[in-house]
């Protein structure tokens, strides 16, 4: 039976029969749609525990973040270059790379220090490369570029410490990053990204 003959057959039926067929078909389609919706709802409710149903780019769990926090390696912050301001202050240009799926909370100004020999220096300013206030949160999968300004540094090397770093999803896993700086190598001219 072709579709045309099926439609002609329906059109030739009495009005009451056509109405019954219409409502029966509508109810059956409605029941199928409700069943599909309930199955999807059940699947979504069962995944409320935080499991990523898409499977792509899963969010790091707390164990991953705890491991990140316990690492003493410089995973996120890199010193790029040093220089002097016209006023004679020393600048350290750095970048922060956050390759995770979480937001990295950056060190406040009072939690950053530079150890030069036995002296501990605190930064005078923390800005981005345009001279504006540096961001407090490094978004996932982004890089931010900043500048630390200190009083003039007269040393060959030092240790730069960023303390009180943590991820949004694990705020109790506070960690720090330590950068060993060789000021002679870092003062060589190289292109910096704004």
N, C-alpha and C. Protein backbone atom coordinates (compact mmCIF):
# COMPACT_ATOMS: atom_id res chain seq x y z
N UNK A 1 0.86 -1.18 0.00
CA UNK A 1 0.00 0.00 0.00
C UNK A 1 0.90 1.24 0.00
N UNK A 2 0.68 2.10 -0.99
CA UNK A 2 1.49 3.30 -1.09
C UNK A 2 0.93 4.38 -0.15
N UNK A 3 1.75 5.41 0.06
CA UNK A 3 1.34 6.51 0.94
C UNK A 3 0.11 7.23 0.39
N UNK A 4 0.07 7.42 -0.92
CA UNK A 4 -1.09 8.10 -1.53
C UNK A 4 -2.38 7.32 -1.31
N UNK A 5 -2.33 6.00 -1.51
CA UNK A 5 -3.55 5.21 -1.30
C UNK A 5 -3.94 5.17 0.17
N UNK A 6 -2.94 5.18 1.08
CA UNK A 6 -3.23 5.21 2.52
C UNK A 6 -3.94 6.51 2.89
N UNK A 7 -3.48 7.64 2.35
CA UNK A 7 -4.11 8.94 2.64
C UNK A 7 -5.51 8.98 2.03
N UNK A 8 -5.69 8.47 0.81
CA UNK A 8 -7.02 8.44 0.19
C UNK A 8 -7.99 7.59 1.00
N UNK A 9 -7.47 6.48 1.51
CA UNK A 9 -8.28 5.59 2.34
C UNK A 9 -8.75 6.32 3.60
N UNK A 10 -7.82 7.08 4.24
CA UNK A 10 -8.19 7.85 5.44
C UNK A 10 -9.22 8.92 5.10
N UNK A 11 -9.05 9.58 3.98
CA UNK A 11 -9.97 10.65 3.59
C UNK A 11 -11.37 10.12 3.28
N UNK A 12 -11.47 8.87 2.87
CA UNK A 12 -12.76 8.29 2.53
C UNK A 12 -13.52 7.76 3.75
N UNK A 13 -12.85 7.69 4.90
CA UNK A 13 -13.50 7.20 6.11
C UNK A 13 -14.46 8.27 6.63
N UNK A 14 -15.45 7.86 7.42
CA UNK A 14 -16.38 8.84 8.00
C UNK A 14 -15.64 9.76 8.98
N UNK A 15 -16.24 10.94 9.21
CA UNK A 15 -15.63 11.97 10.06
C UNK A 15 -15.31 11.41 11.45
N UNK A 16 -16.17 10.70 12.07
CA UNK A 16 -15.95 10.14 13.42
C UNK A 16 -14.75 9.21 13.46
N UNK A 17 -14.58 8.39 12.42
CA UNK A 17 -13.44 7.46 12.37
C UNK A 17 -12.13 8.22 12.22
N UNK A 18 -12.16 9.27 11.39
CA UNK A 18 -10.94 10.07 11.21
C UNK A 18 -10.53 10.75 12.50
N UNK A 19 -11.51 11.24 13.29
CA UNK A 19 -11.21 11.89 14.57
C UNK A 19 -10.60 10.87 15.54
N UNK A 20 -11.16 9.66 15.60
CA UNK A 20 -10.61 8.62 16.49
C UNK A 20 -9.17 8.28 16.09
N UNK A 21 -8.89 8.16 14.79
CA UNK A 21 -7.53 7.87 14.31
C UNK A 21 -6.59 9.02 14.68
N UNK A 22 -7.06 10.27 14.52
CA UNK A 22 -6.23 11.44 14.87
C UNK A 22 -5.85 11.42 16.34
N UNK A 23 -6.84 11.22 17.22
CA UNK A 23 -6.55 11.25 18.65
C UNK A 23 -5.73 10.04 19.08
N UNK A 24 -5.96 8.89 18.53
CA UNK A 24 -5.16 7.70 18.86
C UNK A 24 -3.70 7.91 18.46
N UNK A 25 -3.49 8.44 17.26
CA UNK A 25 -2.12 8.71 16.80
C UNK A 25 -1.44 9.75 17.68
N UNK A 26 -2.17 10.81 18.04
CA UNK A 26 -1.61 11.87 18.89
C UNK A 26 -1.23 11.32 20.26
N UNK A 27 -2.07 10.49 20.85
CA UNK A 27 -1.79 9.93 22.18
C UNK A 27 -0.58 8.99 22.12
N UNK A 28 -0.48 8.17 21.08
CA UNK A 28 0.67 7.25 20.95
C UNK A 28 1.97 8.04 20.81
N UNK A 29 1.98 9.05 19.96
CA UNK A 29 3.19 9.88 19.79
C UNK A 29 3.53 10.60 21.10
N UNK A 30 2.50 11.09 21.80
CA UNK A 30 2.73 11.75 23.09
C UNK A 30 3.34 10.81 24.11
N UNK A 31 2.86 9.55 24.16
CA UNK A 31 3.40 8.57 25.10
C UNK A 31 4.87 8.28 24.78
N UNK A 32 5.20 8.16 23.50
CA UNK A 32 6.60 7.92 23.10
C UNK A 32 7.48 9.10 23.51
N UNK A 33 7.02 10.32 23.27
CA UNK A 33 7.82 11.50 23.64
C UNK A 33 8.01 11.60 25.15
N UNK A 34 6.96 11.33 25.93
CA UNK A 34 7.08 11.37 27.39
C UNK A 34 8.05 10.29 27.87
N UNK A 35 8.02 9.10 27.27
CA UNK A 35 8.94 8.03 27.66
C UNK A 35 10.39 8.42 27.38
N UNK A 36 10.64 9.03 26.22
CA UNK A 36 12.00 9.50 25.90
C UNK A 36 12.43 10.58 26.88
N UNK A 37 11.53 11.51 27.19
CA UNK A 37 11.86 12.59 28.13
C UNK A 37 12.17 12.03 29.52
N UNK A 38 11.37 11.06 29.99
CA UNK A 38 11.61 10.46 31.31
C UNK A 38 12.95 9.72 31.35
N UNK A 39 13.29 9.02 30.27
CA UNK A 39 14.58 8.32 30.23
C UNK A 39 15.74 9.31 30.29
N UNK A 40 15.62 10.43 29.57
CA UNK A 40 16.66 11.46 29.60
C UNK A 40 16.75 12.11 30.97
N UNK A 41 15.60 12.39 31.58
CA UNK A 41 15.58 12.99 32.91
C UNK A 41 16.22 12.06 33.93
N UNK A 42 15.92 10.77 33.85
CA UNK A 42 16.50 9.80 34.77
C UNK A 42 18.02 9.77 34.61
N UNK A 43 18.51 9.83 33.38
CA UNK A 43 19.95 9.84 33.12
C UNK A 43 20.60 11.10 33.71
N UNK A 44 19.95 12.24 33.53
CA UNK A 44 20.49 13.50 34.07
C UNK A 44 20.50 13.49 35.59
N UNK A 45 19.45 12.98 36.21
CA UNK A 45 19.39 12.93 37.67
C UNK A 45 20.45 11.99 38.21
N UNK A 46 20.69 10.88 37.54
CA UNK A 46 21.70 9.94 38.03
C UNK A 46 23.11 10.52 37.91
N UNK A 47 23.30 11.55 37.06
CA UNK A 47 24.62 12.15 36.89
C UNK A 47 24.80 13.43 37.68
N UNK A 48 23.92 13.69 38.64
CA UNK A 48 24.05 14.91 39.45
C UNK A 48 25.26 14.87 40.36
N UNK A 49 25.89 13.73 40.54
CA UNK A 49 27.05 13.61 41.41
C UNK A 49 28.29 14.26 40.85
N UNK A 50 28.23 14.87 39.68
CA UNK A 50 29.38 15.57 39.12
C UNK A 50 30.05 14.83 37.99
N UNK A 51 29.54 13.67 37.62
CA UNK A 51 30.13 12.93 36.51
C UNK A 51 29.85 13.68 35.22
N UNK A 52 30.86 13.78 34.39
CA UNK A 52 30.71 14.50 33.13
C UNK A 52 30.14 13.54 32.09
N UNK A 53 28.88 13.76 31.66
CA UNK A 53 28.26 12.84 30.72
C UNK A 53 28.79 13.02 29.31
N UNK A 54 29.38 14.15 29.00
CA UNK A 54 29.87 14.38 27.65
C UNK A 54 31.18 13.65 27.38
N UNK A 55 31.99 13.47 28.41
CA UNK A 55 33.24 12.77 28.25
C UNK A 55 34.37 13.64 27.71
N UNK A 56 34.09 14.80 27.15
CA UNK A 56 35.13 15.69 26.62
C UNK A 56 35.57 16.64 27.70
N UNK A 57 36.87 16.90 27.78
CA UNK A 57 37.43 17.86 28.72
C UNK A 57 36.86 17.70 30.12
N UNK A 58 37.05 16.56 30.77
CA UNK A 58 36.48 16.40 32.09
C UNK A 58 37.09 17.39 33.07
N UNK A 59 36.28 17.85 34.01
CA UNK A 59 36.78 18.75 35.03
C UNK A 59 37.68 17.97 35.96
N UNK A 60 38.75 18.57 36.45
CA UNK A 60 39.63 17.86 37.35
C UNK A 60 38.91 17.60 38.68
N UNK A 61 39.11 16.40 39.22
CA UNK A 61 38.49 16.13 40.51
C UNK A 61 39.40 16.65 41.62
N UNK A 62 38.92 16.53 42.86
CA UNK A 62 39.68 17.08 43.98
C UNK A 62 41.02 16.38 44.16
N UNK A 63 41.11 15.08 43.81
CA UNK A 63 42.40 14.40 43.92
C UNK A 63 43.41 14.98 42.95
N UNK A 64 42.95 15.29 41.73
CA UNK A 64 43.83 15.93 40.75
C UNK A 64 44.32 17.27 41.29
N UNK A 65 43.38 18.05 41.85
CA UNK A 65 43.75 19.37 42.35
C UNK A 65 44.67 19.27 43.56
N UNK A 66 44.46 18.26 44.39
CA UNK A 66 45.34 18.08 45.54
C UNK A 66 46.75 17.75 45.07
N UNK A 67 46.84 16.90 44.03
CA UNK A 67 48.16 16.59 43.47
C UNK A 67 48.82 17.84 42.91
N UNK A 68 48.04 18.67 42.22
CA UNK A 68 48.58 19.91 41.68
C UNK A 68 49.10 20.79 42.80
N UNK A 69 48.36 20.85 43.90
CA UNK A 69 48.74 21.71 45.01
C UNK A 69 49.97 21.22 45.73
N UNK A 70 50.21 19.91 45.71
CA UNK A 70 51.35 19.37 46.43
C UNK A 70 52.63 19.40 45.61
N UNK A 71 52.54 19.71 44.34
CA UNK A 71 53.74 19.74 43.52
C UNK A 71 54.53 21.01 43.80
N UNK A 72 55.82 20.84 43.91
CA UNK A 72 56.69 21.99 44.16
C UNK A 72 57.28 22.52 42.86
N UNK A 73 56.88 21.95 41.74
CA UNK A 73 57.43 22.38 40.47
C UNK A 73 56.76 23.67 40.02
N UNK A 74 57.45 24.37 39.13
CA UNK A 74 56.87 25.59 38.56
C UNK A 74 56.02 25.21 37.37
N UNK A 75 54.77 24.90 37.62
CA UNK A 75 53.90 24.43 36.55
C UNK A 75 53.16 25.56 35.87
N UNK A 76 52.92 26.64 36.54
CA UNK A 76 52.01 27.66 36.03
C UNK A 76 52.68 29.00 35.75
N UNK A 77 53.72 29.36 36.48
CA UNK A 77 54.32 30.68 36.37
C UNK A 77 55.73 30.56 35.79
N UNK A 78 56.03 31.44 34.83
CA UNK A 78 57.35 31.45 34.21
C UNK A 78 57.86 32.88 34.17
N UNK A 79 59.12 33.09 34.60
CA UNK A 79 59.75 34.40 34.46
C UNK A 79 60.29 34.51 33.04
N UNK A 80 59.99 35.63 32.38
CA UNK A 80 60.40 35.80 30.99
C UNK A 80 61.62 36.71 30.84
N UNK A 81 61.64 37.82 31.59
CA UNK A 81 62.72 38.79 31.40
C UNK A 81 62.73 39.74 32.58
N UNK A 82 63.85 40.39 32.79
CA UNK A 82 63.94 41.46 33.79
C UNK A 82 64.37 42.74 33.09
N UNK A 83 64.11 43.85 33.74
CA UNK A 83 64.50 45.13 33.18
C UNK A 83 64.45 46.21 34.24
N UNK A 84 64.78 47.43 33.84
CA UNK A 84 64.75 48.58 34.74
C UNK A 84 63.76 49.61 34.23
N UNK A 85 63.06 50.24 35.14
CA UNK A 85 62.17 51.34 34.77
C UNK A 85 63.01 52.60 34.61
N UNK A 86 62.48 53.65 33.98
CA UNK A 86 63.22 54.91 33.89
C UNK A 86 63.60 55.48 35.26
N UNK A 87 62.80 55.14 36.29
CA UNK A 87 63.09 55.64 37.64
C UNK A 87 64.14 54.79 38.36
N UNK A 88 64.58 53.68 37.72
CA UNK A 88 65.62 52.86 38.32
C UNK A 88 65.11 51.66 39.10
N UNK A 89 63.82 51.41 39.11
CA UNK A 89 63.28 50.23 39.80
C UNK A 89 63.45 49.01 38.90
N UNK A 90 63.52 47.86 39.51
CA UNK A 90 63.66 46.61 38.75
C UNK A 90 62.29 46.02 38.44
N UNK A 91 62.17 45.48 37.23
CA UNK A 91 60.92 44.84 36.83
C UNK A 91 61.20 43.39 36.45
N UNK A 92 60.28 42.51 36.84
CA UNK A 92 60.34 41.11 36.43
C UNK A 92 59.07 40.84 35.63
N UNK A 93 59.26 40.47 34.37
CA UNK A 93 58.14 40.16 33.49
C UNK A 93 57.87 38.66 33.57
N UNK A 94 56.63 38.29 33.80
CA UNK A 94 56.30 36.88 33.97
C UNK A 94 55.02 36.56 33.22
N UNK A 95 54.77 35.26 33.04
CA UNK A 95 53.50 34.82 32.47
C UNK A 95 52.94 33.70 33.34
N UNK A 96 51.61 33.64 33.39
CA UNK A 96 50.92 32.60 34.12
C UNK A 96 50.11 31.81 33.11
N UNK A 97 50.33 30.52 33.05
CA UNK A 97 49.62 29.64 32.13
C UNK A 97 48.76 28.68 32.95
N UNK A 98 47.45 28.70 32.72
CA UNK A 98 46.54 27.79 33.40
C UNK A 98 45.93 26.82 32.37
N UNK A 99 46.53 25.63 32.20
CA UNK A 99 46.01 24.68 31.22
C UNK A 99 44.87 23.82 31.73
N UNK A 100 44.46 24.02 32.99
CA UNK A 100 43.42 23.17 33.58
C UNK A 100 42.04 23.66 33.19
N UNK A 101 41.02 22.94 33.63
CA UNK A 101 39.63 23.31 33.41
C UNK A 101 39.07 24.07 34.61
N UNK A 102 39.92 24.49 35.54
CA UNK A 102 39.49 25.20 36.74
C UNK A 102 40.09 26.60 36.75
N UNK A 103 39.57 27.45 37.59
CA UNK A 103 40.06 28.83 37.72
C UNK A 103 41.16 28.86 38.78
N UNK A 104 42.30 29.43 38.43
CA UNK A 104 43.43 29.55 39.34
C UNK A 104 43.39 30.92 40.00
N UNK A 105 43.32 30.93 41.34
CA UNK A 105 43.37 32.18 42.09
C UNK A 105 44.82 32.56 42.30
N UNK A 106 45.17 33.76 41.86
CA UNK A 106 46.57 34.19 41.86
C UNK A 106 46.97 34.80 43.20
N UNK A 107 48.27 34.81 43.45
CA UNK A 107 48.80 35.35 44.70
C UNK A 107 48.52 36.84 44.82
N UNK A 108 48.04 37.30 45.98
CA UNK A 108 47.94 38.75 46.18
C UNK A 108 49.34 39.35 46.33
N UNK A 109 49.43 40.66 46.20
CA UNK A 109 50.72 41.34 46.24
C UNK A 109 51.51 41.03 47.52
N UNK A 110 50.82 40.95 48.65
CA UNK A 110 51.53 40.71 49.92
C UNK A 110 51.95 39.26 50.11
N UNK A 111 51.60 38.39 49.15
CA UNK A 111 52.01 36.98 49.23
C UNK A 111 53.10 36.64 48.21
N UNK A 112 53.71 37.68 47.64
CA UNK A 112 54.80 37.50 46.68
C UNK A 112 56.05 38.10 47.28
N UNK A 113 57.14 37.37 47.20
CA UNK A 113 58.40 37.91 47.72
C UNK A 113 59.57 37.43 46.86
N UNK A 114 60.64 38.21 46.91
CA UNK A 114 61.86 37.90 46.18
C UNK A 114 63.00 37.81 47.19
N UNK A 115 63.63 36.64 47.24
CA UNK A 115 64.77 36.45 48.13
C UNK A 115 66.05 36.66 47.33
N UNK A 116 66.83 37.63 47.76
CA UNK A 116 68.12 37.92 47.14
C UNK A 116 69.16 37.82 48.25
N UNK A 117 69.92 36.71 48.23
CA UNK A 117 70.85 36.47 49.33
C UNK A 117 70.07 36.29 50.63
N UNK A 118 70.40 37.10 51.64
CA UNK A 118 69.70 37.04 52.92
C UNK A 118 68.56 38.05 52.99
N UNK A 119 68.37 38.83 51.93
CA UNK A 119 67.37 39.89 51.92
C UNK A 119 66.07 39.40 51.27
N UNK A 120 64.96 39.77 51.87
CA UNK A 120 63.66 39.45 51.30
C UNK A 120 63.02 40.76 50.84
N UNK A 121 62.73 40.84 49.54
CA UNK A 121 62.12 42.03 48.97
C UNK A 121 60.65 41.77 48.67
N UNK A 122 59.81 42.75 48.95
CA UNK A 122 58.40 42.65 48.58
C UNK A 122 58.17 43.55 47.37
N UNK A 123 57.30 43.15 46.47
CA UNK A 123 57.08 43.96 45.27
C UNK A 123 56.37 45.27 45.58
N UNK A 124 56.73 46.30 44.84
CA UNK A 124 56.07 47.59 44.97
C UNK A 124 54.75 47.60 44.20
N UNK A 125 54.73 46.91 43.04
CA UNK A 125 53.54 46.87 42.18
C UNK A 125 53.44 45.52 41.51
N UNK A 126 52.19 45.14 41.22
CA UNK A 126 51.88 43.96 40.43
C UNK A 126 50.88 44.39 39.38
N UNK A 127 51.32 44.43 38.12
CA UNK A 127 50.46 44.94 37.04
C UNK A 127 50.48 43.98 35.86
N UNK A 128 49.56 44.22 34.92
CA UNK A 128 49.66 43.51 33.65
C UNK A 128 50.62 44.29 32.76
N UNK A 129 50.82 43.86 31.53
CA UNK A 129 51.81 44.50 30.67
C UNK A 129 51.38 45.88 30.19
N UNK A 130 50.11 46.21 30.37
CA UNK A 130 49.63 47.54 30.00
C UNK A 130 49.64 48.50 31.18
N UNK A 131 50.13 48.04 32.34
CA UNK A 131 50.21 48.90 33.52
C UNK A 131 48.96 48.91 34.37
N UNK A 132 47.98 48.08 34.02
CA UNK A 132 46.74 47.99 34.81
C UNK A 132 46.92 46.93 35.91
N UNK A 133 46.02 46.92 36.88
CA UNK A 133 46.07 45.94 37.96
C UNK A 133 46.01 44.53 37.39
N UNK A 134 46.87 43.65 37.89
CA UNK A 134 46.91 42.27 37.41
C UNK A 134 45.68 41.53 37.90
N UNK A 135 45.22 40.57 37.10
CA UNK A 135 44.01 39.82 37.43
C UNK A 135 44.20 38.99 38.70
N UNK A 136 43.10 38.77 39.40
CA UNK A 136 43.15 37.95 40.61
C UNK A 136 42.84 36.49 40.31
N UNK A 137 42.17 36.25 39.17
CA UNK A 137 41.79 34.89 38.81
C UNK A 137 42.25 34.62 37.38
N UNK A 138 42.96 33.50 37.21
CA UNK A 138 43.42 33.08 35.90
C UNK A 138 42.41 32.05 35.39
N UNK A 139 41.68 32.40 34.36
CA UNK A 139 40.64 31.53 33.84
C UNK A 139 41.25 30.26 33.24
N UNK A 140 40.42 29.25 33.09
CA UNK A 140 40.90 27.97 32.56
C UNK A 140 41.37 28.14 31.11
N UNK A 141 42.41 27.41 30.79
CA UNK A 141 42.98 27.39 29.43
C UNK A 141 43.36 28.78 28.93
N UNK A 142 43.94 29.60 29.79
CA UNK A 142 44.38 30.94 29.37
C UNK A 142 45.79 31.22 29.87
N UNK A 143 46.38 32.24 29.26
CA UNK A 143 47.67 32.77 29.71
C UNK A 143 47.47 34.25 30.05
N UNK A 144 48.11 34.69 31.13
CA UNK A 144 48.10 36.10 31.49
C UNK A 144 49.55 36.53 31.67
N UNK A 145 49.82 37.78 31.29
CA UNK A 145 51.18 38.30 31.32
C UNK A 145 51.23 39.46 32.30
N UNK A 146 52.21 39.44 33.20
CA UNK A 146 52.28 40.46 34.22
C UNK A 146 53.68 40.98 34.45
N UNK A 147 53.75 42.02 35.29
CA UNK A 147 55.01 42.65 35.64
C UNK A 147 55.05 42.90 37.14
N UNK A 148 56.13 42.49 37.77
CA UNK A 148 56.38 42.79 39.18
C UNK A 148 57.44 43.88 39.24
N UNK A 149 57.19 44.91 40.03
CA UNK A 149 58.15 46.00 40.19
C UNK A 149 58.71 45.96 41.61
N UNK A 150 60.05 45.92 41.70
CA UNK A 150 60.76 45.92 42.98
C UNK A 150 61.70 47.12 43.02
N UNK A 151 62.19 47.41 44.22
CA UNK A 151 63.28 48.39 44.28
C UNK A 151 64.45 47.80 43.49
N UNK A 152 65.41 48.61 43.13
CA UNK A 152 66.49 48.14 42.26
C UNK A 152 67.20 46.94 42.86
N UNK A 153 67.34 45.90 42.04
CA UNK A 153 67.98 44.65 42.48
C UNK A 153 69.41 44.64 41.97
N UNK A 154 70.33 44.47 42.88
CA UNK A 154 71.73 44.41 42.50
C UNK A 154 72.28 43.06 42.93
N UNK A 155 71.93 42.04 42.15
CA UNK A 155 72.37 40.68 42.43
C UNK A 155 72.37 39.90 41.13
N UNK A 156 73.05 38.76 41.15
CA UNK A 156 73.10 37.92 39.95
C UNK A 156 71.93 36.94 39.89
N UNK A 157 71.43 36.54 41.06
CA UNK A 157 70.31 35.60 41.07
C UNK A 157 69.45 35.82 42.31
N UNK A 158 68.29 35.20 42.28
CA UNK A 158 67.35 35.32 43.39
C UNK A 158 66.27 34.26 43.26
N UNK A 159 65.41 34.22 44.26
CA UNK A 159 64.31 33.27 44.29
C UNK A 159 63.00 34.03 44.42
N UNK A 160 62.14 33.87 43.46
CA UNK A 160 60.84 34.54 43.44
C UNK A 160 59.78 33.55 43.90
N UNK A 161 59.02 33.92 44.92
CA UNK A 161 58.03 33.01 45.51
C UNK A 161 56.64 33.61 45.38
N UNK A 162 55.74 32.84 44.77
CA UNK A 162 54.32 33.18 44.69
C UNK A 162 53.59 32.25 45.65
N UNK A 163 53.05 32.79 46.72
CA UNK A 163 52.38 31.97 47.72
C UNK A 163 50.88 32.19 47.64
N UNK A 164 50.14 31.33 48.31
CA UNK A 164 48.68 31.44 48.42
C UNK A 164 47.97 31.29 47.07
N UNK A 165 48.45 30.37 46.24
CA UNK A 165 47.78 30.02 44.99
C UNK A 165 46.80 28.88 45.28
N UNK A 166 45.64 28.91 44.67
CA UNK A 166 44.70 27.79 44.82
C UNK A 166 43.69 27.80 43.68
N UNK A 167 43.08 26.64 43.47
CA UNK A 167 42.05 26.50 42.45
C UNK A 167 40.67 26.65 43.07
N UNK A 168 39.73 27.17 42.28
CA UNK A 168 38.37 27.41 42.75
C UNK A 168 37.72 26.14 43.30
N UNK A 169 37.93 25.02 42.65
CA UNK A 169 37.26 23.80 43.06
C UNK A 169 37.91 23.14 44.28
N UNK A 170 39.06 23.60 44.68
CA UNK A 170 39.73 23.04 45.86
C UNK A 170 40.39 24.18 46.63
N UNK A 171 39.60 25.06 47.25
CA UNK A 171 40.17 26.24 47.91
C UNK A 171 41.03 25.93 49.13
N UNK A 172 40.94 24.72 49.67
CA UNK A 172 41.77 24.38 50.83
C UNK A 172 43.15 23.89 50.43
N UNK A 173 43.34 23.56 49.15
CA UNK A 173 44.64 23.10 48.66
C UNK A 173 45.48 24.29 48.21
N UNK A 174 46.00 25.02 49.18
CA UNK A 174 46.81 26.20 48.88
C UNK A 174 48.24 25.75 48.60
N UNK A 175 48.83 26.31 47.56
CA UNK A 175 50.20 25.94 47.22
C UNK A 175 50.98 27.18 46.81
N UNK A 176 52.29 27.01 46.63
CA UNK A 176 53.13 28.12 46.18
C UNK A 176 54.03 27.64 45.06
N UNK A 177 54.50 28.60 44.31
CA UNK A 177 55.46 28.31 43.25
C UNK A 177 56.72 29.12 43.50
N UNK A 178 57.83 28.46 43.28
CA UNK A 178 59.14 29.08 43.50
C UNK A 178 59.91 29.10 42.19
N UNK A 179 60.38 30.28 41.81
CA UNK A 179 61.15 30.43 40.58
C UNK A 179 62.58 30.84 40.93
N UNK A 180 63.53 30.08 40.45
CA UNK A 180 64.94 30.44 40.61
C UNK A 180 65.30 31.36 39.44
N UNK A 181 65.74 32.57 39.75
CA UNK A 181 66.00 33.57 38.71
C UNK A 181 67.50 33.81 38.54
N UNK A 182 67.92 33.85 37.30
CA UNK A 182 69.28 34.24 36.94
C UNK A 182 69.15 35.59 36.24
N UNK A 183 69.40 36.67 36.96
CA UNK A 183 69.13 38.01 36.44
C UNK A 183 69.96 38.35 35.20
N UNK A 184 71.16 37.79 35.09
CA UNK A 184 71.98 38.07 33.91
C UNK A 184 71.32 37.51 32.65
N UNK A 185 70.85 36.27 32.72
CA UNK A 185 70.20 35.68 31.54
C UNK A 185 68.84 36.32 31.27
N UNK A 186 68.12 36.66 32.31
CA UNK A 186 66.78 37.23 32.13
C UNK A 186 66.83 38.68 31.64
N UNK A 187 67.98 39.34 31.79
CA UNK A 187 68.06 40.73 31.35
C UNK A 187 68.38 40.85 29.86
N UNK A 188 68.69 39.71 29.21
CA UNK A 188 68.97 39.77 27.79
C UNK A 188 67.70 40.14 27.05
N UNK A 189 67.84 40.97 26.04
CA UNK A 189 66.68 41.47 25.29
C UNK A 189 66.00 40.34 24.56
N UNK A 190 64.71 40.23 24.77
CA UNK A 190 63.89 39.29 24.01
C UNK A 190 62.49 39.89 23.87
N UNK A 191 61.79 39.41 22.86
CA UNK A 191 60.44 39.94 22.64
C UNK A 191 59.52 39.47 23.73
N UNK A 192 58.71 40.40 24.21
CA UNK A 192 57.72 40.08 25.24
C UNK A 192 56.34 40.22 24.65
N UNK A 193 55.46 39.36 25.11
CA UNK A 193 54.07 39.43 24.66
C UNK A 193 53.30 40.35 25.61
N UNK A 194 52.48 41.21 25.03
CA UNK A 194 51.65 42.07 25.86
C UNK A 194 50.44 41.31 26.27
